[in-house]
Amino acid sequence: MKHVILLFLFVLSVVYAMGCKSDTTSPLSTATFAMSTAPGTTGTFFTFKPSVDVKLTRVVVSLPAQPFFDTLTDAGTYVYSKDTIYNLSEYNGVATGQAWKFYFTGSTTSNSAFTNAEANLTIP
């Protein structure tokens, strides 16, 4: 019985280690997005800065613990410069400790390489 429990704990720890993600953007994308917040008029703005020039068609803002999802769309024609910080939208109820997720869909301006990228932000 002791060996069965040890084996179970080992398998559980391996599954947990494989499932953990860091607070960074998905490595499968050619674009990454640095996330932050800025004070708004009545709430909090989420801000992003792309690592390369991109054209976005959609951003999904998610607070999985609530669950809360907001889909923002764009025509995919505006170029978001890698050297600029942009506001996404203003949200109320943003609080310390919340773990937000952002899903970006679009393409790079150089070679249309990225389709999807994920970024995470835990509110300090």
Protein backbone atom coordinates (compact mmCIF):
# COMPACT_ATOMS: atom_id res chain seq x y z
CA MET A 1 0.00 0.00 0.00
CA LYS A 2 2.88 2.37 0.82
CA HIS A 3 4.34 1.86 -2.68
CA VAL A 4 0.98 2.60 -4.30
CA ILE A 5 0.70 5.89 -2.40
CA LEU A 6 4.27 6.85 -3.31
CA LEU A 7 3.64 6.01 -6.96
CA PHE A 8 0.43 8.05 -6.92
CA LEU A 9 2.23 11.05 -5.39
CA PHE A 10 5.02 10.77 -7.97
CA VAL A 11 2.57 10.66 -10.90
CA LEU A 12 0.59 13.55 -9.42
CA SER A 13 3.73 15.68 -9.05
CA VAL A 14 4.81 14.94 -12.65
CA VAL A 15 1.37 15.89 -14.00
CA TYR A 16 1.39 19.08 -11.89
CA ALA A 17 4.88 20.07 -13.08
CA MET A 18 3.93 19.55 -16.72
CA GLY A 19 0.77 21.63 -16.33
CA CYS A 20 2.34 24.70 -14.68
CA LYS A 21 2.85 27.82 -16.76
CA SER A 22 4.78 30.97 -16.02
CA ASP A 23 3.40 34.50 -16.36
CA THR A 24 4.82 34.94 -19.85
CA THR A 25 3.49 34.92 -23.35
CA SER A 26 3.05 31.69 -25.26
CA PRO A 27 6.36 30.51 -26.80
CA LEU A 28 4.54 29.20 -29.90
CA SER A 29 3.99 32.72 -31.18
CA THR A 30 6.44 35.05 -32.92
CA ALA A 31 4.86 37.96 -31.02
CA THR A 32 4.83 38.44 -27.27
CA PHE A 33 2.88 40.99 -25.27
CA ALA A 34 4.04 42.73 -22.08
CA MET A 35 0.98 43.39 -19.93
CA SER A 36 0.41 46.01 -17.26
CA THR A 37 -2.29 48.27 -15.82
CA ALA A 38 -2.93 52.00 -15.78
CA PRO A 39 -5.47 54.03 -13.81
CA GLY A 40 -8.64 54.86 -15.69
CA THR A 41 -11.45 57.34 -15.14
CA THR A 42 -13.61 54.95 -13.12
CA GLY A 43 -11.63 51.71 -13.21
CA THR A 44 -8.39 50.18 -14.46
CA PHE A 45 -7.00 50.03 -17.98
CA PHE A 46 -5.12 46.94 -19.10
CA THR A 47 -2.16 47.95 -21.24
CA PHE A 48 -0.05 45.95 -23.65
CA LYS A 49 3.19 46.43 -25.54
CA PRO A 50 3.90 44.04 -28.43
CA SER A 51 7.43 42.70 -28.98
CA VAL A 52 7.10 43.23 -32.76
CA ASP A 53 4.81 45.34 -34.94
CA VAL A 54 1.45 43.55 -35.17
CA LYS A 55 -2.02 43.85 -36.62
CA LEU A 56 -4.69 42.52 -34.26
CA THR A 57 -8.08 41.10 -35.13
CA ARG A 58 -9.18 40.03 -31.65
CA VAL A 59 -8.19 40.19 -28.00
CA VAL A 60 -10.00 38.15 -25.36
CA VAL A 61 -9.66 39.48 -21.82
CA SER A 62 -10.36 36.81 -19.23
CA LEU A 63 -10.58 36.49 -15.47
CA PRO A 64 -11.11 32.72 -15.20
CA ALA A 65 -11.77 32.78 -11.43
CA GLN A 66 -14.98 34.82 -11.88
CA PRO A 67 -15.55 33.59 -14.76
CA PHE A 68 -15.35 36.75 -16.85
CA PHE A 69 -14.60 37.06 -20.59
CA ASP A 70 -14.62 40.13 -22.82
CA THR A 71 -13.89 39.94 -26.54
CA LEU A 72 -12.45 43.03 -28.23
CA THR A 73 -12.31 43.06 -32.02
CA ASP A 74 -10.29 45.08 -34.51
CA ALA A 75 -10.27 45.15 -38.31
CA GLY A 76 -6.67 43.91 -38.48
CA THR A 77 -5.52 46.95 -40.45
CA TYR A 78 -4.04 49.14 -37.68
CA VAL A 79 -0.35 48.56 -36.92
CA TYR A 80 0.42 48.31 -33.20
CA SER A 81 4.06 49.37 -32.92
CA LYS A 82 6.53 47.41 -30.80
CA ASP A 83 7.74 50.69 -29.29
CA THR A 84 4.37 51.84 -27.94
CA ILE A 85 2.17 50.95 -24.95
CA TYR A 86 -1.55 50.67 -25.77
CA ASN A 87 -4.69 50.63 -23.62
CA LEU A 88 -7.04 47.72 -24.16
CA SER A 89 -10.16 48.78 -22.31
CA GLU A 90 -11.19 50.07 -18.90
CA TYR A 91 -12.51 47.53 -16.38
CA ASN A 92 -14.08 47.90 -12.94
CA GLY A 93 -13.42 45.48 -10.10
CA VAL A 94 -9.75 44.81 -10.91
CA ALA A 95 -8.18 43.84 -7.57
CA THR A 96 -4.89 42.72 -6.08
CA GLY A 97 -4.16 39.02 -6.53
CA GLN A 98 -6.41 38.46 -9.52
CA ALA A 99 -4.90 36.35 -12.33
CA TRP A 100 -5.98 37.74 -15.70
CA LYS A 101 -5.39 36.09 -19.08
CA PHE A 102 -5.21 37.75 -22.48
CA TYR A 103 -5.53 35.94 -25.81
CA PHE A 104 -4.30 37.90 -28.85
CA THR A 105 -5.15 36.97 -32.45
CA GLY A 106 -3.56 38.69 -35.42
CA SER A 107 -0.41 38.81 -37.51
CA THR A 108 3.01 40.42 -37.56
CA THR A 109 3.54 43.15 -40.13
CA SER A 110 6.83 41.65 -41.30
CA ASN A 111 5.73 38.15 -42.30
CA SER A 112 2.19 37.51 -41.01
CA ALA A 113 3.67 34.82 -38.77
CA PHE A 114 1.69 34.94 -35.54
CA THR A 115 -1.87 33.79 -35.23
CA ASN A 116 -2.44 33.42 -31.48
CA ALA A 117 -0.54 34.52 -28.41
CA GLU A 118 -1.39 34.29 -24.74
CA ALA A 119 -0.26 36.64 -21.99
CA ASN A 120 -0.90 36.50 -18.25
CA LEU A 121 -1.01 39.23 -15.63
CA THR A 122 -1.38 38.84 -11.88
CA ILE A 123 -2.45 42.10 -10.27
CA PRO A 124 0.13 43.10 -7.63
